[in-house]
């Protein structure tokens, strides 16, 4: 299944640093001294959140009769 929509990264300069978050996914937030650093840190934060959520889901779904499908984001 493909979704033809991306996520929205928000970057805001606060003082000397940028804060960054993804609007659609609570908990994916970070900061950086530069916009580039904040962007890189945000991608890493997203990867970590997805990894942790997968682990939690696998534990919660263990032994249940379920079907899983990969959803690809097409930009």
PDB file of N, CA and C in Angstrom:
ATOM      1  N   UNK A   1       0.846  -1.167   0.000  1.00  0.00           N
ATOM      2  CA  UNK A   1       0.000   0.000   0.000  1.00  0.00           C
ATOM      3  C   UNK A   1       0.895   1.235   0.000  1.00  0.00           C
ATOM      4  N   UNK A   2       0.631   2.182  -0.879  1.00  0.00           N
ATOM      5  CA  UNK A   2       1.405   3.418  -0.948  1.00  0.00           C
ATOM      6  C   UNK A   2       0.563   4.591  -0.464  1.00  0.00           C
ATOM      7  N   UNK A   3       1.198   5.485   0.255  1.00  0.00           N
ATOM      8  CA  UNK A   3       0.562   6.731   0.662  1.00  0.00           C
ATOM      9  C   UNK A   3       1.325   7.842  -0.039  1.00  0.00           C
ATOM     10  N   UNK A   4       0.611   8.681  -0.748  1.00  0.00           N
ATOM     11  CA  UNK A   4       1.253   9.744  -1.517  1.00  0.00           C
ATOM     12  C   UNK A   4       1.213  11.052  -0.742  1.00  0.00           C
ATOM     13  N   UNK A   5       1.777  11.029   0.437  1.00  0.00           N
ATOM     14  CA  UNK A   5       1.811  12.199   1.292  1.00  0.00           C
ATOM     15  C   UNK A   5       3.014  12.093   2.198  1.00  0.00           C
ATOM     16  N   UNK A   6       3.623  13.202   2.502  1.00  0.00           N
ATOM     17  CA  UNK A   6       4.785  13.192   3.379  1.00  0.00           C
ATOM     18  C   UNK A   6       4.429  13.704   4.762  1.00  0.00           C
ATOM     19  N   UNK A   7       5.410  13.725   5.607  1.00  0.00           N
ATOM     20  CA  UNK A   7       5.264  14.265   6.946  1.00  0.00           C
ATOM     21  C   UNK A   7       5.754  15.707   6.949  1.00  0.00           C
ATOM     22  N   UNK A   8       5.286  16.482   7.919  1.00  0.00           N
ATOM     23  CA  UNK A   8       5.653  17.893   7.986  1.00  0.00           C
ATOM     24  C   UNK A   8       6.666  18.124   9.097  1.00  0.00           C
ATOM     25  N   UNK A   9       7.871  18.519   8.715  1.00  0.00           N
ATOM     26  CA  UNK A   9       8.908  18.880   9.676  1.00  0.00           C
ATOM     27  C   UNK A   9       8.820  20.378   9.927  1.00  0.00           C
ATOM     28  N   UNK A  10       8.815  20.761  11.202  1.00  0.00           N
ATOM     29  CA  UNK A  10       8.745  22.166  11.587  1.00  0.00           C
ATOM     30  C   UNK A  10      10.042  22.531  12.297  1.00  0.00           C
ATOM     31  N   UNK A  11      10.654  23.630  11.868  1.00  0.00           N
ATOM     32  CA  UNK A  11      11.903  24.122  12.461  1.00  0.00           C
ATOM     33  C   UNK A  11      11.673  25.558  12.923  1.00  0.00           C
ATOM     34  N   UNK A  12      12.026  25.825  14.167  1.00  0.00           N
ATOM     35  CA  UNK A  12      11.826  27.166  14.720  1.00  0.00           C
ATOM     36  C   UNK A  12      13.105  27.611  15.417  1.00  0.00           C
ATOM     37  N   UNK A  13      13.581  28.791  15.052  1.00  0.00           N
ATOM     38  CA  UNK A  13      14.766  29.347  15.687  1.00  0.00           C
ATOM     39  C   UNK A  13      14.359  29.947  17.027  1.00  0.00           C
ATOM     40  N   UNK A  14      14.960  29.420  18.094  1.00  0.00           N
ATOM     41  CA  UNK A  14      14.719  29.931  19.450  1.00  0.00           C
ATOM     42  C   UNK A  14      16.069  30.272  20.054  1.00  0.00           C
ATOM     43  N   UNK A  15      16.291  31.527  20.230  1.00  0.00           N
ATOM     44  CA  UNK A  15      17.613  31.960  20.700  1.00  0.00           C
ATOM     45  C   UNK A  15      18.631  31.660  19.632  1.00  0.00           C
ATOM     46  N   UNK A  16      19.634  30.872  19.987  1.00  0.00           N
ATOM     47  CA  UNK A  16      20.688  30.515  19.025  1.00  0.00           C
ATOM     48  C   UNK A  16      20.512  29.127  18.434  1.00  0.00           C
ATOM     49  N   UNK A  17      19.491  28.401  18.856  1.00  0.00           N
ATOM     50  CA  UNK A  17      19.279  27.025  18.404  1.00  0.00           C
ATOM     51  C   UNK A  17      17.951  26.871  17.684  1.00  0.00           C
ATOM     52  N   UNK A  18      17.866  25.817  16.893  1.00  0.00           N
ATOM     53  CA  UNK A  18      16.613  25.447  16.238  1.00  0.00           C
ATOM     54  C   UNK A  18      15.959  24.313  17.019  1.00  0.00           C
ATOM     55  N   UNK A  19      14.660  24.437  17.228  1.00  0.00           N
ATOM     56  CA  UNK A  19      13.907  23.295  17.716  1.00  0.00           C
ATOM     57  C   UNK A  19      13.209  22.709  16.500  1.00  0.00           C
ATOM     58  N   UNK A  20      12.950  21.424  16.551  1.00  0.00           N
ATOM     59  CA  UNK A  20      12.349  20.760  15.394  1.00  0.00           C
ATOM     60  C   UNK A  20      11.406  19.670  15.872  1.00  0.00           C
ATOM     61  N   UNK A  21      10.313  19.501  15.124  1.00  0.00           N
ATOM     62  CA  UNK A  21       9.377  18.423  15.422  1.00  0.00           C
ATOM     63  C   UNK A  21       8.610  18.058  14.171  1.00  0.00           C
ATOM     64  N   UNK A  22       7.987  16.898  14.208  1.00  0.00           N
ATOM     65  CA  UNK A  22       7.135  16.459  13.110  1.00  0.00           C
ATOM     66  C   UNK A  22       5.691  16.632  13.570  1.00  0.00           C
ATOM     67  N   UNK A  23       4.942  17.434  12.832  1.00  0.00           N
ATOM     68  CA  UNK A  23       3.576  17.791  13.230  1.00  0.00           C
ATOM     69  C   UNK A  23       2.681  16.578  13.446  1.00  0.00           C
ATOM     70  N   UNK A  24       2.793  15.590  12.584  1.00  0.00           N
ATOM     71  CA  UNK A  24       1.857  14.475  12.575  1.00  0.00           C
ATOM     72  C   UNK A  24       2.168  13.377  13.593  1.00  0.00           C
ATOM     73  N   UNK A  25       3.353  13.385  14.193  1.00  0.00           N
ATOM     74  CA  UNK A  25       3.745  12.297  15.090  1.00  0.00           C
ATOM     75  C   UNK A  25       4.222  12.873  16.420  1.00  0.00           C
ATOM     76  N   UNK A  26       3.378  12.838  17.451  1.00  0.00           N
ATOM     77  CA  UNK A  26       3.797  13.326  18.761  1.00  0.00           C
ATOM     78  C   UNK A  26       5.033  12.580  19.256  1.00  0.00           C
ATOM     79  N   UNK A  27       5.929  13.303  19.893  1.00  0.00           N
ATOM     80  CA  UNK A  27       7.119  12.682  20.463  1.00  0.00           C
ATOM     81  C   UNK A  27       8.341  12.744  19.577  1.00  0.00           C
ATOM     82  N   UNK A  28       8.157  13.086  18.308  1.00  0.00           N
ATOM     83  CA  UNK A  28       9.309  13.210  17.409  1.00  0.00           C
ATOM     84  C   UNK A  28       9.727  14.677  17.430  1.00  0.00           C
ATOM     85  N   UNK A  29      10.673  14.983  18.304  1.00  0.00           N
ATOM     86  CA  UNK A  29      11.157  16.350  18.423  1.00  0.00           C
ATOM     87  C   UNK A  29      12.615  16.340  18.846  1.00  0.00           C
ATOM     88  N   UNK A  30      13.304  17.438  18.540  1.00  0.00           N
ATOM     89  CA  UNK A  30      14.730  17.533  18.824  1.00  0.00           C
ATOM     90  C   UNK A  30      15.162  18.978  18.715  1.00  0.00           C
ATOM     91  N   UNK A  31      16.453  19.199  18.693  1.00  0.00           N
ATOM     92  CA  UNK A  31      16.996  20.534  18.498  1.00  0.00           C
ATOM     93  C   UNK A  31      18.359  20.426  17.843  1.00  0.00           C
ATOM     94  N   UNK A  32      18.898  21.577  17.440  1.00  0.00           N
ATOM     95  CA  UNK A  32      20.227  21.602  16.851  1.00  0.00           C
ATOM     96  C   UNK A  32      20.754  23.018  16.802  1.00  0.00           C
ATOM     97  N   UNK A  33      22.063  23.147  16.774  1.00  0.00           N
ATOM     98  CA  UNK A  33      22.697  24.464  16.718  1.00  0.00           C
ATOM     99  C   UNK A  33      22.492  25.128  15.360  1.00  0.00           C
ATOM    100  N   UNK A  34      22.308  24.320  14.323  1.00  0.00           N
ATOM    101  CA  UNK A  34      22.061  24.831  12.970  1.00  0.00           C
ATOM    102  C   UNK A  34      20.816  24.138  12.411  1.00  0.00           C
ATOM    103  N   UNK A  35      20.288  24.687  11.358  1.00  0.00           N
ATOM    104  CA  UNK A  35      19.137  24.066  10.699  1.00  0.00           C
ATOM    105  C   UNK A  35      19.507  22.671  10.197  1.00  0.00           C
ATOM    106  N   UNK A  36      20.700  22.531   9.647  1.00  0.00           N
ATOM    107  CA  UNK A  36      21.145  21.239   9.136  1.00  0.00           C
ATOM    108  C   UNK A  36      21.252  20.205  10.254  1.00  0.00           C
ATOM    109  N   UNK A  37      21.792  20.613  11.400  1.00  0.00           N
ATOM    110  CA  UNK A  37      21.914  19.708  12.536  1.00  0.00           C
ATOM    111  C   UNK A  37      20.532  19.319  13.065  1.00  0.00           C
ATOM    112  N   UNK A  38      19.630  20.289  13.155  1.00  0.00           N
ATOM    113  CA  UNK A  38      18.269  20.000  13.609  1.00  0.00           C
ATOM    114  C   UNK A  38      17.580  19.043  12.650  1.00  0.00           C
ATOM    115  N   UNK A  39      17.777  19.232  11.355  1.00  0.00           N
ATOM    116  CA  UNK A  39      17.177  18.356  10.349  1.00  0.00           C
ATOM    117  C   UNK A  39      17.700  16.925  10.498  1.00  0.00           C
ATOM    118  N   UNK A  40      18.993  16.779  10.655  1.00  0.00           N
ATOM    119  CA  UNK A  40      19.599  15.462  10.826  1.00  0.00           C
ATOM    120  C   UNK A  40      19.114  14.806  12.118  1.00  0.00           C
ATOM    121  N   UNK A  41      19.085  15.567  13.201  1.00  0.00           N
ATOM    122  CA  UNK A  41      18.623  15.036  14.482  1.00  0.00           C
ATOM    123  C   UNK A  41      17.151  14.624  14.417  1.00  0.00           C
ATOM    124  N   UNK A  42      16.345  15.356  13.655  1.00  0.00           N
ATOM    125  CA  UNK A  42      14.930  15.034  13.532  1.00  0.00           C
ATOM    126  C   UNK A  42      14.728  13.710  12.800  1.00  0.00           C
ATOM    127  N   UNK A  43      15.495  13.480  11.753  1.00  0.00           N
ATOM    128  CA  UNK A  43      15.414  12.203  11.039  1.00  0.00           C
ATOM    129  C   UNK A  43      15.791  11.052  11.966  1.00  0.00           C
ATOM    130  N   UNK A  44      16.824  11.246  12.775  1.00  0.00           N
ATOM    131  CA  UNK A  44      17.240  10.222  13.722  1.00  0.00           C
ATOM    132  C   UNK A  44      16.156   9.984  14.774  1.00  0.00           C
ATOM    133  N   UNK A  45      15.544  11.052  15.266  1.00  0.00           N
ATOM    134  CA  UNK A  45      14.473  10.915  16.261  1.00  0.00           C
ATOM    135  C   UNK A  45      13.296  10.139  15.681  1.00  0.00           C
ATOM    136  N   UNK A  46      12.941  10.410  14.427  1.00  0.00           N
ATOM    137  CA  UNK A  46      11.852   9.688  13.767  1.00  0.00           C
ATOM    138  C   UNK A  46      12.185   8.205  13.655  1.00  0.00           C
ATOM    139  N   UNK A  47      13.397   7.886  13.230  1.00  0.00           N
ATOM    140  CA  UNK A  47      13.814   6.485  13.112  1.00  0.00           C
ATOM    141  C   UNK A  47      13.736   5.773  14.461  1.00  0.00           C
ATOM    142  N   UNK A  48      14.162   6.437  15.527  1.00  0.00           N
ATOM    143  CA  UNK A  48      14.143   5.836  16.861  1.00  0.00           C
ATOM    144  C   UNK A  48      12.716   5.601  17.357  1.00  0.00           C
ATOM    145  N   UNK A  49      11.838   6.571  17.133  1.00  0.00           N
ATOM    146  CA  UNK A  49      10.437   6.420  17.554  1.00  0.00           C
ATOM    147  C   UNK A  49       9.799   5.241  16.825  1.00  0.00           C
ATOM    148  N   UNK A  50      10.032   5.136  15.531  1.00  0.00           N
ATOM    149  CA  UNK A  50       9.461   4.034  14.752  1.00  0.00           C
ATOM    150  C   UNK A  50      10.014   2.701  15.245  1.00  0.00           C
ATOM    151  N   UNK A  51      11.305   2.637  15.509  1.00  0.00           N
ATOM    152  CA  UNK A  51      11.924   1.400  16.001  1.00  0.00           C
ATOM    153  C   UNK A  51      11.319   0.979  17.346  1.00  0.00           C
ATOM    154  N   UNK A  52      11.186   1.905  18.257  1.00  0.00           N
ATOM    155  CA  UNK A  52      10.634   1.597  19.580  1.00  0.00           C
ATOM    156  C   UNK A  52       9.166   1.191  19.482  1.00  0.00           C
ATOM    157  N   UNK A  53       8.393   1.911  18.665  1.00  0.00           N
ATOM    158  CA  UNK A  53       6.975   1.573  18.507  1.00  0.00           C
ATOM    159  C   UNK A  53       6.805   0.183  17.900  1.00  0.00           C
ATOM    160  N   UNK A  54       7.690  -0.202  16.975  1.00  0.00           N
ATOM    161  CA  UNK A  54       7.630  -1.551  16.400  1.00  0.00           C
ATOM    162  C   UNK A  54       7.885  -2.609  17.462  1.00  0.00           C
ATOM    163  N   UNK A  55       8.876  -2.365  18.300  1.00  0.00           N
ATOM    164  CA  UNK A  55       9.182  -3.314  19.379  1.00  0.00           C
ATOM    165  C   UNK A  55       7.997  -3.454  20.329  1.00  0.00           C
ATOM    166  N   UNK A  56       7.398  -2.344  20.709  1.00  0.00           N
ATOM    167  CA  UNK A  56       6.241  -2.373  21.613  1.00  0.00           C
ATOM    168  C   UNK A  56       5.074  -3.103  20.956  1.00  0.00           C
ATOM    169  N   UNK A  57       4.814  -2.796  19.697  1.00  0.00           N
ATOM    170  CA  UNK A  57       3.709  -3.445  18.976  1.00  0.00           C
ATOM    171  C   UNK A  57       3.934  -4.944  18.884  1.00  0.00           C
ATOM    172  N   UNK A  58       5.147  -5.359  18.572  1.00  0.00           N
ATOM    173  CA  UNK A  58       5.447  -6.794  18.470  1.00  0.00           C
ATOM    174  C   UNK A  58       5.206  -7.501  19.792  1.00  0.00           C
ATOM    175  N   UNK A  59       5.592  -6.864  20.889  1.00  0.00           N
ATOM    176  CA  UNK A  59       5.353  -7.458  22.212  1.00  0.00           C
ATOM    177  C   UNK A  59       3.858  -7.561  22.500  1.00  0.00           C
ATOM    178  N   UNK A  60       3.113  -6.507  22.191  1.00  0.00           N
ATOM    179  CA  UNK A  60       1.676  -6.486  22.457  1.00  0.00           C
ATOM    180  C   UNK A  60       0.906  -7.467  21.574  1.00  0.00           C
ATOM    181  N   UNK A  61       1.422  -7.735  20.380  1.00  0.00           N
ATOM    182  CA  UNK A  61       0.712  -8.578  19.418  1.00  0.00           C
ATOM    183  C   UNK A  61       1.153 -10.035  19.454  1.00  0.00           C
ATOM    184  N   UNK A  62       2.126 -10.348  20.271  1.00  0.00           N
ATOM    185  CA  UNK A  62       2.647 -11.713  20.328  1.00  0.00           C
ATOM    186  C   UNK A  62       1.532 -12.711  20.608  1.00  0.00           C
ATOM    187  N   UNK A  63       1.478 -13.773  19.780  1.00  0.00           N
ATOM    188  CA  UNK A  63       0.500 -14.838  19.959  1.00  0.00           C
ATOM    189  C   UNK A  63      -0.873 -14.538  19.389  1.00  0.00           C
ATOM    190  N   UNK A  64      -1.052 -13.356  18.803  1.00  0.00           N
ATOM    191  CA  UNK A  64      -2.353 -13.006  18.226  1.00  0.00           C
ATOM    192  C   UNK A  64      -2.348 -13.300  16.731  1.00  0.00           C
ATOM    193  N   UNK A  65      -3.514 -13.594  16.184  1.00  0.00           N
ATOM    194  CA  UNK A  65      -3.672 -13.883  14.762  1.00  0.00           C
ATOM    195  C   UNK A  65      -3.925 -12.566  14.023  1.00  0.00           C
ATOM    196  N   UNK A  66      -2.857 -11.953  13.537  1.00  0.00           N
ATOM    197  CA  UNK A  66      -2.974 -10.659  12.876  1.00  0.00           C
ATOM    198  C   UNK A  66      -2.275 -10.692  11.511  1.00  0.00           C
ATOM    199  N   UNK A  67      -2.579  -9.726  10.687  1.00  0.00           N
ATOM    200  CA  UNK A  67      -1.923  -9.553   9.395  1.00  0.00           C
ATOM    201  C   UNK A  67      -1.237  -8.204   9.423  1.00  0.00           C
ATOM    202  N   UNK A  68       0.009  -8.162   8.999  1.00  0.00           N
ATOM    203  CA  UNK A  68       0.761  -6.903   8.917  1.00  0.00           C
ATOM    204  C   UNK A  68       1.123  -6.638   7.464  1.00  0.00           C
ATOM    205  N   UNK A  69       1.046  -5.385   7.065  1.00  0.00           N
ATOM    206  CA  UNK A  69       1.443  -4.964   5.731  1.00  0.00           C
ATOM    207  C   UNK A  69       2.320  -3.724   5.858  1.00  0.00           C
ATOM    208  N   UNK A  70       3.312  -3.624   5.003  1.00  0.00           N
ATOM    209  CA  UNK A  70       4.160  -2.434   4.950  1.00  0.00           C
ATOM    210  C   UNK A  70       3.461  -1.346   4.158  1.00  0.00           C
ATOM    211  N   UNK A  71       3.524  -0.125   4.664  1.00  0.00           N
ATOM    212  CA  UNK A  71       2.993   1.033   3.953  1.00  0.00           C
ATOM    213  C   UNK A  71       4.194   1.865   3.527  1.00  0.00           C
ATOM    214  N   UNK A  72       4.296   2.142   2.242  1.00  0.00           N
ATOM    215  CA  UNK A  72       5.407   2.935   1.727  1.00  0.00           C
ATOM    216  C   UNK A  72       4.947   4.364   1.486  1.00  0.00           C
ATOM    217  N   UNK A  73       5.790   5.298   1.911  1.00  0.00           N
ATOM    218  CA  UNK A  73       5.529   6.705   1.662  1.00  0.00           C
ATOM    219  C   UNK A  73       6.162   7.056   0.308  1.00  0.00           C
ATOM    220  N   UNK A  74       5.401   7.623  -0.579  1.00  0.00           N
ATOM    221  CA  UNK A  74       5.891   8.012  -1.884  1.00  0.00           C
ATOM    222  C   UNK A  74       5.888   9.535  -1.939  1.00  0.00           C
ATOM    223  N   UNK A  75       7.079  10.104  -2.067  1.00  0.00           N
ATOM    224  CA  UNK A  75       7.172  11.583  -2.076  1.00  0.00           C
ATOM    225  C   UNK A  75       7.281  12.091  -3.497  1.00  0.00           C
TER     226      UNK A  75
END
